[in-house]
Amino acid sequence: MTGFIGIALGDITGIGPEVTLKALALDKETDDARYLLIGDEGYLRRLNEQLRLRLPLVALREQKQPGRIFIHSPLPEPLPEALEPGSPTAALAAMNWLAEGGRRCLRHELDALVTAPVNKEAIIRAGEKSFVGQTEFLSQLAGTDRTAMMLLGQDERGRWLRVALVTTHLPLKQVADSLSQARIEQTIELAAHACRNLALPRARVAVCGLNPHAGEGGQLGTEEQTLIAPAVRAARARGLEVVGPLAADALFYHAYRGEYDAVVAMYHDQGLGPLKMIGFENGVNWTVGLPFIRTSPDHGTAYDIASLGKANPSSMQAAIRLAKQLARGRISNQ
């Protein structure tokens, strides 16, 4: 049994609800999971009808009631039918639904949480000034900073890249000052642990340098010598199969060829540029290190195509499938 998977629907003025319903419809003939869609019931029912998907949506009343796809909104009132893209009302609702999903996972009412896209700018404009991202929000909700963002994607031939990030949503000029040996070690460990959770036959991790050519022996920067290499040595001393720091431009070529199972990148675009090149439509964001499973599609709210019915559900479908795979493995090990 795959379990009970929660899906927080994100900003409903974006494409999150659309790709969610489409992804569930694509796999409905072979899917044995149960789902809790955390969002506005009226909007979901209207969208289900508009897209002609005929998904059997049931309002959640109790944890073990019959059915397969349930809807629940913790908000006291339904949302207005017409909301502008980036509406503060939609942004705050998305935060509420995200928190509800996280709390249900912490209470073990859900076996995994998939989160549809939110818009950081809209959330901050709505008054949540400290919001950085869903990864950071859920980490804080769970009371842990021992997490990392891992992105996974594959090309049409099934060749994977799996990239864990040491830093995430930071201006580039702040990256070097935000690195620490402890944080790099932690990300290496989480990347190796992710490989084991994926039931890969090995967990060989390669670590990027921060600077071009991995610092060129200190000529182009010293972070490789003072932070990254010591972290790699410490991880290796704990029995992990890890190499680096390596020049990122060459490293991703070898990882793409299957020589490494996961890559640890120092900053957001260092890791995600190569990944989106090969897996733009099916990329998945996985928060490793949380006390519960959380995945999300690797795209944004796409306000420009929302409500047009043409959003591609591939990334959401991949995120749901990964959540089910991880939940299945966790349930079987209990």
C-alpha atoms as a PDB file:
ATOM      1  CA  MET A   1       0.000   0.000   0.000  1.00  0.00           C
ATOM      2  CA  THR A   2       1.380   3.415  -0.989  1.00  0.00           C
ATOM      3  CA  GLY A   3      -0.292   5.380   1.791  1.00  0.00           C
ATOM      4  CA  PHE A   4      -2.110   8.676   2.261  1.00  0.00           C
ATOM      5  CA  ILE A   5      -0.454  11.502   0.312  1.00  0.00           C
ATOM      6  CA  GLY A   6      -1.227  15.133   1.027  1.00  0.00           C
ATOM      7  CA  ILE A   7      -1.027  17.756  -1.711  1.00  0.00           C
ATOM      8  CA  ALA A   8      -0.964  21.414  -0.663  1.00  0.00           C
ATOM      9  CA  LEU A   9      -2.355  23.219  -3.703  1.00  0.00           C
ATOM     10  CA  GLY A  10      -0.212  26.350  -3.526  1.00  0.00           C
ATOM     11  CA  ASP A  11      -1.227  29.618  -5.124  1.00  0.00           C
ATOM     12  CA  ILE A  12      -4.550  28.953  -6.852  1.00  0.00           C
ATOM     13  CA  THR A  13      -4.050  31.895  -9.200  1.00  0.00           C
ATOM     14  CA  GLY A  14      -1.160  29.885 -10.650  1.00  0.00           C
ATOM     15  CA  ILE A  15      -1.042  26.453 -12.284  1.00  0.00           C
ATOM     16  CA  GLY A  16      -0.703  24.339  -9.128  1.00  0.00           C
ATOM     17  CA  PRO A  17      -4.299  23.078  -8.913  1.00  0.00           C
ATOM     18  CA  GLU A  18      -4.416  22.399 -12.652  1.00  0.00           C
ATOM     19  CA  VAL A  19      -1.228  20.318 -12.772  1.00  0.00           C
ATOM     20  CA  THR A  20      -2.293  18.492  -9.615  1.00  0.00           C
ATOM     21  CA  LEU A  21      -5.623  17.343 -11.018  1.00  0.00           C
ATOM     22  CA  LYS A  22      -4.106  16.492 -14.395  1.00  0.00           C
ATOM     23  CA  ALA A  23      -1.312  14.448 -12.758  1.00  0.00           C
ATOM     24  CA  LEU A  24      -3.802  12.474 -10.661  1.00  0.00           C
ATOM     25  CA  ALA A  25      -5.930  11.822 -13.735  1.00  0.00           C
ATOM     26  CA  LEU A  26      -2.951  10.532 -15.736  1.00  0.00           C
ATOM     27  CA  ASP A  27      -2.116   7.844 -13.156  1.00  0.00           C
ATOM     28  CA  LYS A  28      -5.603   7.035 -11.878  1.00  0.00           C
ATOM     29  CA  GLU A  29      -5.867   3.615 -13.563  1.00  0.00           C
ATOM     30  CA  THR A  30      -2.764   2.218 -11.833  1.00  0.00           C
ATOM     31  CA  ASP A  31      -2.705   4.290  -8.652  1.00  0.00           C
ATOM     32  CA  ASP A  32      -3.396   2.670  -5.277  1.00  0.00           C
ATOM     33  CA  ALA A  33      -2.680   5.731  -3.136  1.00  0.00           C
ATOM     34  CA  ARG A  34      -5.184   7.900  -1.310  1.00  0.00           C
ATOM     35  CA  TYR A  35      -4.856  11.675  -1.549  1.00  0.00           C
ATOM     36  CA  LEU A  36      -5.791  14.676   0.545  1.00  0.00           C
ATOM     37  CA  LEU A  37      -5.963  17.838  -1.566  1.00  0.00           C
ATOM     38  CA  ILE A  38      -5.492  20.758   0.807  1.00  0.00           C
ATOM     39  CA  GLY A  39      -7.112  23.750  -0.819  1.00  0.00           C
ATOM     40  CA  ASP A  40     -10.371  25.461  -1.728  1.00  0.00           C
ATOM     41  CA  GLU A  41     -13.120  22.897  -2.359  1.00  0.00           C
ATOM     42  CA  GLY A  42     -15.279  25.040  -4.616  1.00  0.00           C
ATOM     43  CA  TYR A  43     -12.361  26.013  -6.832  1.00  0.00           C
ATOM     44  CA  LEU A  44     -11.207  22.407  -7.172  1.00  0.00           C
ATOM     45  CA  ARG A  45     -14.664  21.147  -8.094  1.00  0.00           C
ATOM     46  CA  ARG A  46     -15.088  23.863 -10.708  1.00  0.00           C
ATOM     47  CA  LEU A  47     -11.649  23.139 -12.152  1.00  0.00           C
ATOM     48  CA  ASN A  48     -12.286  19.385 -12.220  1.00  0.00           C
ATOM     49  CA  GLU A  49     -15.425  20.040 -14.245  1.00  0.00           C
ATOM     50  CA  GLN A  50     -13.769  22.624 -16.496  1.00  0.00           C
ATOM     51  CA  LEU A  51     -10.921  20.231 -17.367  1.00  0.00           C
ATOM     52  CA  ARG A  52     -13.415  17.348 -17.796  1.00  0.00           C
ATOM     53  CA  LEU A  53     -11.290  15.033 -15.686  1.00  0.00           C
ATOM     54  CA  ARG A  54     -14.143  13.507 -13.681  1.00  0.00           C
ATOM     55  CA  LEU A  55     -11.960  12.775 -10.686  1.00  0.00           C
ATOM     56  CA  PRO A  56     -14.007  11.460  -7.727  1.00  0.00           C
ATOM     57  CA  LEU A  57     -13.444  14.316  -5.261  1.00  0.00           C
ATOM     58  CA  VAL A  58     -14.807  13.754  -1.753  1.00  0.00           C
ATOM     59  CA  ALA A  59     -14.916  16.245   1.118  1.00  0.00           C
ATOM     60  CA  LEU A  60     -12.868  14.892   4.046  1.00  0.00           C
ATOM     61  CA  ARG A  61     -14.880  14.278   7.194  1.00  0.00           C
ATOM     62  CA  GLU A  62     -12.771  11.682   9.001  1.00  0.00           C
ATOM     63  CA  GLN A  63      -9.424   9.986   8.487  1.00  0.00           C
ATOM     64  CA  LYS A  64     -10.695   6.533   7.443  1.00  0.00           C
ATOM     65  CA  GLN A  65     -13.782   7.360   5.393  1.00  0.00           C
ATOM     66  CA  PRO A  66     -14.263   5.601   2.021  1.00  0.00           C
ATOM     67  CA  GLY A  67     -12.845   7.249  -1.047  1.00  0.00           C
ATOM     68  CA  ARG A  68      -9.549   7.926  -2.763  1.00  0.00           C
ATOM     69  CA  ILE A  69      -9.229  11.660  -3.465  1.00  0.00           C
ATOM     70  CA  PHE A  70     -10.336  13.913  -0.634  1.00  0.00           C
ATOM     71  CA  ILE A  71     -10.505  17.690  -0.286  1.00  0.00           C
ATOM     72  CA  HIS A  72      -9.942  19.707   2.860  1.00  0.00           C
ATOM     73  CA  SER A  73      -9.520  23.411   3.502  1.00  0.00           C
ATOM     74  CA  PRO A  74      -8.642  24.621   6.996  1.00  0.00           C
ATOM     75  CA  LEU A  75      -9.877  28.118   6.121  1.00  0.00           C
ATOM     76  CA  PRO A  76     -13.212  29.137   7.686  1.00  0.00           C
ATOM     77  CA  GLU A  77     -14.607  30.622   4.450  1.00  0.00           C
ATOM     78  CA  PRO A  78     -14.313  29.690   0.763  1.00  0.00           C
ATOM     79  CA  LEU A  79     -12.105  31.882  -1.384  1.00  0.00           C
ATOM     80  CA  PRO A  80     -13.663  34.344  -3.843  1.00  0.00           C
ATOM     81  CA  GLU A  81     -14.140  32.863  -7.299  1.00  0.00           C
ATOM     82  CA  ALA A  82     -12.287  35.635  -9.140  1.00  0.00           C
ATOM     83  CA  LEU A  83      -8.806  36.422  -7.862  1.00  0.00           C
ATOM     84  CA  GLU A  84      -6.095  38.298  -9.719  1.00  0.00           C
ATOM     85  CA  PRO A  85      -2.749  36.540 -10.309  1.00  0.00           C
ATOM     86  CA  GLY A  86      -0.581  37.057  -7.250  1.00  0.00           C
ATOM     87  CA  SER A  87      -3.556  38.055  -5.103  1.00  0.00           C
ATOM     88  CA  PRO A  88      -2.676  38.512  -1.388  1.00  0.00           C
ATOM     89  CA  THR A  89      -5.731  36.413  -0.526  1.00  0.00           C
ATOM     90  CA  ALA A  90      -4.438  33.525  -2.643  1.00  0.00           C
ATOM     91  CA  ALA A  91      -0.898  33.917  -1.294  1.00  0.00           C
ATOM     92  CA  LEU A  92      -2.002  33.758   2.344  1.00  0.00           C
ATOM     93  CA  ALA A  93      -4.303  30.816   1.623  1.00  0.00           C
ATOM     94  CA  ALA A  94      -1.369  28.969   0.072  1.00  0.00           C
ATOM     95  CA  MET A  95       0.657  29.515   3.256  1.00  0.00           C
ATOM     96  CA  ASN A  96      -2.243  28.234   5.353  1.00  0.00           C
ATOM     97  CA  TRP A  97      -2.559  25.087   3.239  1.00  0.00           C
ATOM     98  CA  LEU A  98       1.197  24.477   3.337  1.00  0.00           C
ATOM     99  CA  ALA A  99       1.223  24.719   7.128  1.00  0.00           C
ATOM    100  CA  GLU A 100      -1.796  22.397   7.366  1.00  0.00           C
ATOM    101  CA  GLY A 101      -0.058  19.771   5.268  1.00  0.00           C
ATOM    102  CA  GLY A 102       3.119  19.991   7.313  1.00  0.00           C
ATOM    103  CA  ARG A 103       1.257  19.705  10.607  1.00  0.00           C
ATOM    104  CA  ARG A 104      -0.701  16.685   9.390  1.00  0.00           C
ATOM    105  CA  CYS A 105       2.562  14.994   8.416  1.00  0.00           C
ATOM    106  CA  LEU A 106       4.051  15.747  11.837  1.00  0.00           C
ATOM    107  CA  ARG A 107       0.947  14.183  13.432  1.00  0.00           C
ATOM    108  CA  HIS A 108       1.435  11.112  11.179  1.00  0.00           C
ATOM    109  CA  GLU A 109      -1.947  11.636   9.520  1.00  0.00           C
ATOM    110  CA  LEU A 110      -0.239  11.778   6.109  1.00  0.00           C
ATOM    111  CA  ASP A 111       2.554   9.595   4.757  1.00  0.00           C
ATOM    112  CA  ALA A 112       3.997  12.324   2.519  1.00  0.00           C
ATOM    113  CA  LEU A 113       3.364  15.884   1.417  1.00  0.00           C
ATOM    114  CA  VAL A 114       3.559  17.216  -2.142  1.00  0.00           C
ATOM    115  CA  THR A 115       3.538  20.998  -2.410  1.00  0.00           C
ATOM    116  CA  ALA A 116       2.318  22.876  -5.472  1.00  0.00           C
ATOM    117  CA  PRO A 117       4.066  26.148  -6.374  1.00  0.00           C
ATOM    118  CA  VAL A 118       3.715  29.348  -4.391  1.00  0.00           C
ATOM    119  CA  ASN A 119       4.969  32.796  -5.352  1.00  0.00           C
ATOM    120  CA  LYS A 120       7.525  34.246  -2.963  1.00  0.00           C
ATOM    121  CA  GLU A 121       6.985  37.827  -4.103  1.00  0.00           C
ATOM    122  CA  ALA A 122       3.208  37.578  -3.631  1.00  0.00           C
ATOM    123  CA  ILE A 123       3.623  36.061  -0.157  1.00  0.00           C
ATOM    124  CA  ILE A 124       5.981  38.815   0.955  1.00  0.00           C
ATOM    125  CA  ARG A 125       3.676  41.494  -0.479  1.00  0.00           C
ATOM    126  CA  ALA A 126       0.821  39.883   1.483  1.00  0.00           C
ATOM    127  CA  GLY A 127       2.702  40.553   4.730  1.00  0.00           C
ATOM    128  CA  GLU A 128       4.820  37.433   5.301  1.00  0.00           C
ATOM    129  CA  LYS A 129       8.088  39.398   5.199  1.00  0.00           C
ATOM    130  CA  SER A 130      10.274  36.599   6.536  1.00  0.00           C
ATOM    131  CA  PHE A 131       9.217  34.011   3.946  1.00  0.00           C
ATOM    132  CA  VAL A 132      12.201  32.558   2.077  1.00  0.00           C
ATOM    133  CA  GLY A 133      10.739  29.443   0.471  1.00  0.00           C
ATOM    134  CA  GLN A 134       8.639  26.357   1.138  1.00  0.00           C
ATOM    135  CA  THR A 135      11.726  24.302   2.027  1.00  0.00           C
ATOM    136  CA  GLU A 136      12.741  26.764   4.722  1.00  0.00           C
ATOM    137  CA  PHE A 137       9.157  27.211   5.951  1.00  0.00           C
ATOM    138  CA  LEU A 138       8.626  23.474   6.442  1.00  0.00           C
ATOM    139  CA  SER A 139      12.030  23.074   8.077  1.00  0.00           C
ATOM    140  CA  GLN A 140      11.090  25.753  10.604  1.00  0.00           C
ATOM    141  CA  LEU A 141       7.665  24.180  11.141  1.00  0.00           C
ATOM    142  CA  ALA A 142       9.346  20.845  11.871  1.00  0.00           C
ATOM    143  CA  GLY A 143      11.845  22.480  14.207  1.00  0.00           C
ATOM    144  CA  THR A 144      14.957  21.447  12.297  1.00  0.00           C
ATOM    145  CA  ASP A 145      17.679  23.124  10.283  1.00  0.00           C
ATOM    146  CA  ARG A 146      19.193  19.794   9.272  1.00  0.00           C
ATOM    147  CA  THR A 147      17.638  19.764   5.822  1.00  0.00           C
ATOM    148  CA  ALA A 148      18.756  20.260   2.245  1.00  0.00           C
ATOM    149  CA  MET A 149      17.053  20.875  -1.045  1.00  0.00           C
ATOM    150  CA  MET A 150      17.649  18.051  -3.520  1.00  0.00           C
ATOM    151  CA  LEU A 151      16.538  18.343  -7.133  1.00  0.00           C
ATOM    152  CA  LEU A 152      16.144  15.264  -9.312  1.00  0.00           C
ATOM    153  CA  GLY A 153      15.530  14.976 -13.033  1.00  0.00           C
ATOM    154  CA  GLN A 154      16.081  12.576 -15.895  1.00  0.00           C
ATOM    155  CA  ASP A 155      16.402  12.867 -19.659  1.00  0.00           C
ATOM    156  CA  GLU A 156      14.446  10.927 -22.273  1.00  0.00           C
ATOM    157  CA  ARG A 157      16.943   8.043 -21.996  1.00  0.00           C
ATOM    158  CA  GLY A 158      16.519   7.695 -18.235  1.00  0.00           C
ATOM    159  CA  ARG A 159      19.837   9.330 -17.298  1.00  0.00           C
ATOM    160  CA  TRP A 160      19.500  11.058 -13.926  1.00  0.00           C
ATOM    161  CA  LEU A 161      20.993  14.035 -12.179  1.00  0.00           C
ATOM    162  CA  ARG A 162      20.445  14.355  -8.422  1.00  0.00           C
ATOM    163  CA  VAL A 163      21.681  17.613  -6.962  1.00  0.00           C
ATOM    164  CA  ALA A 164      21.725  18.664  -3.305  1.00  0.00           C
ATOM    165  CA  LEU A 165      22.275  22.352  -2.550  1.00  0.00           C
ATOM    166  CA  VAL A 166      24.407  23.718   0.288  1.00  0.00           C
ATOM    167  CA  THR A 167      22.803  27.159  -0.037  1.00  0.00           C
ATOM    168  CA  THR A 168      19.478  27.885  -1.685  1.00  0.00           C
ATOM    169  CA  HIS A 169      17.746  31.229  -2.203  1.00  0.00           C
ATOM    170  CA  LEU A 170      20.544  33.712  -1.658  1.00  0.00           C
ATOM    171  CA  PRO A 171      21.982  36.573  -3.687  1.00  0.00           C
ATOM    172  CA  LEU A 172      25.175  35.329  -5.313  1.00  0.00           C
ATOM    173  CA  LYS A 173      27.301  37.862  -3.450  1.00  0.00           C
ATOM    174  CA  GLN A 174      26.242  36.266  -0.125  1.00  0.00           C
ATOM    175  CA  VAL A 175      27.039  32.654  -1.022  1.00  0.00           C
ATOM    176  CA  ALA A 176      30.712  32.521  -0.021  1.00  0.00           C
ATOM    177  CA  ASP A 177      30.044  34.069   3.393  1.00  0.00           C
ATOM    178  CA  SER A 178      27.163  31.651   3.986  1.00  0.00           C
ATOM    179  CA  LEU A 179      29.235  28.501   3.468  1.00  0.00           C
ATOM    180  CA  SER A 180      30.627  26.557   6.408  1.00  0.00           C
ATOM    181  CA  GLN A 181      32.402  23.241   6.733  1.00  0.00           C
ATOM    182  CA  ALA A 182      29.601  21.930   8.953  1.00  0.00           C
ATOM    183  CA  ARG A 183      26.900  22.865   6.439  1.00  0.00           C
ATOM    184  CA  ILE A 184      28.813  21.268   3.557  1.00  0.00           C
ATOM    185  CA  GLU A 185      29.378  18.069   5.574  1.00  0.00           C
ATOM    186  CA  GLN A 186      25.680  17.960   6.438  1.00  0.00           C
ATOM    187  CA  THR A 187      24.631  18.305   2.806  1.00  0.00           C
ATOM    188  CA  ILE A 188      27.029  15.530   1.746  1.00  0.00           C
ATOM    189  CA  GLU A 189      25.563  13.260   4.419  1.00  0.00           C
ATOM    190  CA  LEU A 190      21.983  14.075   3.413  1.00  0.00           C
ATOM    191  CA  ALA A 191      22.783  13.451  -0.263  1.00  0.00           C
ATOM    192  CA  ALA A 192      24.218  10.020   0.557  1.00  0.00           C
ATOM    193  CA  HIS A 193      21.228   9.240   2.754  1.00  0.00           C
ATOM    194  CA  ALA A 194      18.897  10.249  -0.092  1.00  0.00           C
ATOM    195  CA  CYS A 195      20.605   7.745  -2.393  1.00  0.00           C
ATOM    196  CA  ARG A 196      19.928   5.004   0.158  1.00  0.00           C
ATOM    197  CA  ASN A 197      16.280   6.073   0.507  1.00  0.00           C
ATOM    198  CA  LEU A 198      15.981   5.789  -3.264  1.00  0.00           C
ATOM    199  CA  ALA A 199      17.306   2.204  -2.988  1.00  0.00           C
ATOM    200  CA  LEU A 200      20.185   2.955  -5.347  1.00  0.00           C
ATOM    201  CA  PRO A 201      22.893   0.257  -5.476  1.00  0.00           C
ATOM    202  CA  ARG A 202      25.510   2.759  -4.298  1.00  0.00           C
ATOM    203  CA  ALA A 203      25.733   6.301  -2.915  1.00  0.00           C
ATOM    204  CA  ARG A 204      28.697   7.920  -4.615  1.00  0.00           C
ATOM    205  CA  VAL A 205      28.616  11.680  -4.021  1.00  0.00           C
ATOM    206  CA  ALA A 206      30.660  14.289  -5.891  1.00  0.00           C
ATOM    207  CA  VAL A 207      31.139  17.771  -4.434  1.00  0.00           C
ATOM    208  CA  CYS A 208      31.451  20.936  -6.518  1.00  0.00           C
ATOM    209  CA  GLY A 209      33.997  23.611  -5.847  1.00  0.00           C
ATOM    210  CA  LEU A 210      32.691  27.117  -5.346  1.00  0.00           C
ATOM    211  CA  ASN A 211      35.082  28.904  -7.683  1.00  0.00           C
ATOM    212  CA  PRO A 212      35.992  28.319 -11.330  1.00  0.00           C
ATOM    213  CA  HIS A 213      38.309  25.328 -11.724  1.00  0.00           C
ATOM    214  CA  ALA A 214      37.670  24.534  -8.041  1.00  0.00           C
ATOM    215  CA  GLY A 215      39.815  27.479  -7.022  1.00  0.00           C
ATOM    216  CA  GLU A 216      42.847  26.644  -9.151  1.00  0.00           C
ATOM    217  CA  GLY A 217      44.913  25.696  -6.100  1.00  0.00           C
ATOM    218  CA  GLY A 218      43.971  28.880  -4.271  1.00  0.00           C
ATOM    219  CA  GLN A 219      44.627  31.230  -7.172  1.00  0.00           C
ATOM    220  CA  LEU A 220      40.907  31.806  -7.846  1.00  0.00           C
ATOM    221  CA  GLY A 221      39.626  31.541  -4.285  1.00  0.00           C
ATOM    222  CA  THR A 222      40.431  29.646  -1.114  1.00  0.00           C
ATOM    223  CA  GLU A 223      37.034  28.223  -0.079  1.00  0.00           C
ATOM    224  CA  GLU A 224      37.941  24.870  -1.647  1.00  0.00           C
ATOM    225  CA  GLN A 225      41.003  24.606   0.621  1.00  0.00           C
ATOM    226  CA  THR A 226      39.541  26.033   3.819  1.00  0.00           C
ATOM    227  CA  LEU A 227      35.958  24.705   3.770  1.00  0.00           C
ATOM    228  CA  ILE A 228      35.064  22.236   1.048  1.00  0.00           C
ATOM    229  CA  ALA A 229      38.064  19.871   1.050  1.00  0.00           C
ATOM    230  CA  PRO A 230      38.002  19.528   4.876  1.00  0.00           C
ATOM    231  CA  ALA A 231      34.270  18.727   4.717  1.00  0.00           C
ATOM    232  CA  VAL A 232      34.887  16.065   2.078  1.00  0.00           C
ATOM    233  CA  ARG A 233      37.688  14.514   4.156  1.00  0.00           C
ATOM    234  CA  ALA A 234      35.490  14.470   7.255  1.00  0.00           C
ATOM    235  CA  ALA A 235      32.622  12.815   5.372  1.00  0.00           C
ATOM    236  CA  ARG A 236      34.988  10.249   3.904  1.00  0.00           C
ATOM    237  CA  ALA A 237      36.336   9.502   7.403  1.00  0.00           C
ATOM    238  CA  ARG A 238      32.756   8.624   8.419  1.00  0.00           C
ATOM    239  CA  GLY A 239      32.608   6.005   5.705  1.00  0.00           C
ATOM    240  CA  LEU A 240      30.841   7.923   2.942  1.00  0.00           C
ATOM    241  CA  GLU A 241      31.907   7.479  -0.669  1.00  0.00           C
ATOM    242  CA  VAL A 242      32.562  11.093  -1.627  1.00  0.00           C
ATOM    243  CA  VAL A 243      34.976  12.940  -3.896  1.00  0.00           C
ATOM    244  CA  GLY A 244      35.802  16.620  -4.368  1.00  0.00           C
ATOM    245  CA  PRO A 245      35.971  19.497  -4.543  1.00  0.00           C
ATOM    246  CA  LEU A 246      35.787  19.213  -8.319  1.00  0.00           C
ATOM    247  CA  ALA A 247      35.320  21.861 -10.990  1.00  0.00           C
ATOM    248  CA  ALA A 248      31.576  22.059 -11.491  1.00  0.00           C
ATOM    249  CA  ASP A 249      31.692  22.401 -15.273  1.00  0.00           C
ATOM    250  CA  ALA A 250      33.410  19.017 -15.700  1.00  0.00           C
ATOM    251  CA  LEU A 251      31.742  17.343 -12.717  1.00  0.00           C
ATOM    252  CA  PHE A 252      28.226  17.538 -14.140  1.00  0.00           C
ATOM    253  CA  TYR A 253      29.350  15.913 -17.363  1.00  0.00           C
ATOM    254  CA  HIS A 254      30.628  12.889 -15.427  1.00  0.00           C
ATOM    255  CA  ALA A 255      27.575  12.782 -13.148  1.00  0.00           C
ATOM    256  CA  TYR A 256      25.316  12.810 -16.199  1.00  0.00           C
ATOM    257  CA  ARG A 257      27.239   9.810 -17.531  1.00  0.00           C
ATOM    258  CA  GLY A 258      26.443   7.914 -14.320  1.00  0.00           C
ATOM    259  CA  GLU A 259      29.829   8.074 -12.613  1.00  0.00           C
ATOM    260  CA  TYR A 260      28.278   9.726  -9.535  1.00  0.00           C
ATOM    261  CA  ASP A 261      24.898   9.136  -7.924  1.00  0.00           C
ATOM    262  CA  ALA A 262      24.457  12.605  -6.462  1.00  0.00           C
ATOM    263  CA  VAL A 263      26.130  15.983  -6.712  1.00  0.00           C
ATOM    264  CA  VAL A 264      26.506  18.526  -3.923  1.00  0.00           C
ATOM    265  CA  ALA A 265      26.433  22.069  -5.352  1.00  0.00           C
ATOM    266  CA  MET A 266      27.427  25.162  -3.419  1.00  0.00           C
ATOM    267  CA  TYR A 267      24.654  27.437  -4.679  1.00  0.00           C
ATOM    268  CA  HIS A 268      21.290  27.398  -6.432  1.00  0.00           C
ATOM    269  CA  ASP A 269      22.109  28.074 -10.068  1.00  0.00           C
ATOM    270  CA  GLN A 270      25.352  26.085 -10.001  1.00  0.00           C
ATOM    271  CA  GLY A 271      23.285  22.958  -9.448  1.00  0.00           C
ATOM    272  CA  LEU A 272      19.998  23.734 -11.116  1.00  0.00           C
ATOM    273  CA  GLY A 273      21.261  24.974 -14.462  1.00  0.00           C
ATOM    274  CA  PRO A 274      22.570  21.533 -15.489  1.00  0.00           C
ATOM    275  CA  LEU A 275      19.597  19.745 -13.965  1.00  0.00           C
ATOM    276  CA  LYS A 276      17.005  21.828 -15.795  1.00  0.00           C
ATOM    277  CA  MET A 277      18.905  21.363 -19.030  1.00  0.00           C
ATOM    278  CA  ILE A 278      18.202  17.614 -18.946  1.00  0.00           C
ATOM    279  CA  GLY A 279      15.009  17.431 -16.862  1.00  0.00           C
ATOM    280  CA  PHE A 280      13.159  20.724 -17.220  1.00  0.00           C
ATOM    281  CA  GLU A 281       9.708  19.172 -17.592  1.00  0.00           C
ATOM    282  CA  ASN A 282      10.071  16.338 -15.054  1.00  0.00           C
ATOM    283  CA  GLY A 283      12.293  17.856 -12.371  1.00  0.00           C
ATOM    284  CA  VAL A 284      11.364  17.256  -8.738  1.00  0.00           C
ATOM    285  CA  ASN A 285      12.323  19.153  -5.598  1.00  0.00           C
ATOM    286  CA  TRP A 286      12.785  16.894  -2.547  1.00  0.00           C
ATOM    287  CA  THR A 287      13.469  18.283   0.931  1.00  0.00           C
ATOM    288  CA  VAL A 288      15.839  15.729   2.434  1.00  0.00           C
ATOM    289  CA  GLY A 289      16.278  15.674   6.196  1.00  0.00           C
ATOM    290  CA  LEU A 290      12.729  16.568   7.224  1.00  0.00           C
ATOM    291  CA  PRO A 291      11.002  14.169   9.645  1.00  0.00           C
ATOM    292  CA  PHE A 292       8.434  13.584   6.881  1.00  0.00           C
ATOM    293  CA  ILE A 293       8.526  13.174   3.106  1.00  0.00           C
ATOM    294  CA  ARG A 294       8.096  16.357   1.089  1.00  0.00           C
ATOM    295  CA  THR A 295       8.392  16.757  -2.671  1.00  0.00           C
ATOM    296  CA  SER A 296       7.286  19.406  -5.141  1.00  0.00           C
ATOM    297  CA  PRO A 297       7.374  20.109  -8.868  1.00  0.00           C
ATOM    298  CA  ASP A 298      10.390  22.066 -10.020  1.00  0.00           C
ATOM    299  CA  HIS A 299       8.550  25.020 -11.547  1.00  0.00           C
ATOM    300  CA  GLY A 300       6.766  28.149 -10.441  1.00  0.00           C
ATOM    301  CA  THR A 301       3.230  29.474 -10.479  1.00  0.00           C
ATOM    302  CA  ALA A 302       3.320  30.374 -14.204  1.00  0.00           C
ATOM    303  CA  TYR A 303       0.681  33.087 -13.872  1.00  0.00           C
ATOM    304  CA  ASP A 304       0.861  33.748 -17.612  1.00  0.00           C
ATOM    305  CA  ILE A 305      -0.738  30.409 -18.518  1.00  0.00           C
ATOM    306  CA  ALA A 306      -2.890  29.849 -15.436  1.00  0.00           C
ATOM    307  CA  SER A 307      -6.568  29.129 -16.186  1.00  0.00           C
ATOM    308  CA  LEU A 308      -5.811  28.418 -19.852  1.00  0.00           C
ATOM    309  CA  GLY A 309      -5.837  24.624 -19.422  1.00  0.00           C
ATOM    310  CA  LYS A 310      -2.475  24.089 -21.110  1.00  0.00           C
ATOM    311  CA  ALA A 311      -0.102  23.632 -18.164  1.00  0.00           C
ATOM    312  CA  ASN A 312       2.162  20.572 -18.438  1.00  0.00           C
ATOM    313  CA  PRO A 313       1.656  18.237 -15.427  1.00  0.00           C
ATOM    314  CA  SER A 314       4.866  16.200 -15.963  1.00  0.00           C
ATOM    315  CA  SER A 315       6.819  17.722 -13.071  1.00  0.00           C
ATOM    316  CA  MET A 316       3.883  17.401 -10.657  1.00  0.00           C
ATOM    317  CA  GLN A 317       3.341  13.828 -11.816  1.00  0.00           C
ATOM    318  CA  ALA A 318       7.022  13.092 -11.100  1.00  0.00           C
ATOM    319  CA  ALA A 319       6.766  14.761  -7.679  1.00  0.00           C
ATOM    320  CA  ILE A 320       3.733  12.663  -6.741  1.00  0.00           C
ATOM    321  CA  ARG A 321       5.388   9.486  -7.978  1.00  0.00           C
ATOM    322  CA  LEU A 322       8.536  10.178  -5.950  1.00  0.00           C
ATOM    323  CA  ALA A 323       6.470  10.895  -2.839  1.00  0.00           C
ATOM    324  CA  LYS A 324       4.655   7.588  -3.303  1.00  0.00           C
ATOM    325  CA  GLN A 325       7.917   5.710  -3.877  1.00  0.00           C
ATOM    326  CA  LEU A 326       9.475   7.129  -0.717  1.00  0.00           C
ATOM    327  CA  ALA A 327       6.295   6.576   1.323  1.00  0.00           C
ATOM    328  CA  ARG A 328       6.097   2.985   0.114  1.00  0.00           C
ATOM    329  CA  GLY A 329       9.679   2.375   1.209  1.00  0.00           C
ATOM    330  CA  ARG A 330       9.118   3.974   4.612  1.00  0.00           C
ATOM    331  CA  ILE A 331       5.892   2.018   5.214  1.00  0.00           C
ATOM    332  CA  SER A 332       7.545  -1.289   4.245  1.00  0.00           C
ATOM    333  CA  ASN A 333      10.368  -0.627   6.720  1.00  0.00           C
ATOM    334  CA  GLN A 334       8.040   0.033   9.642  1.00  0.00           C
END
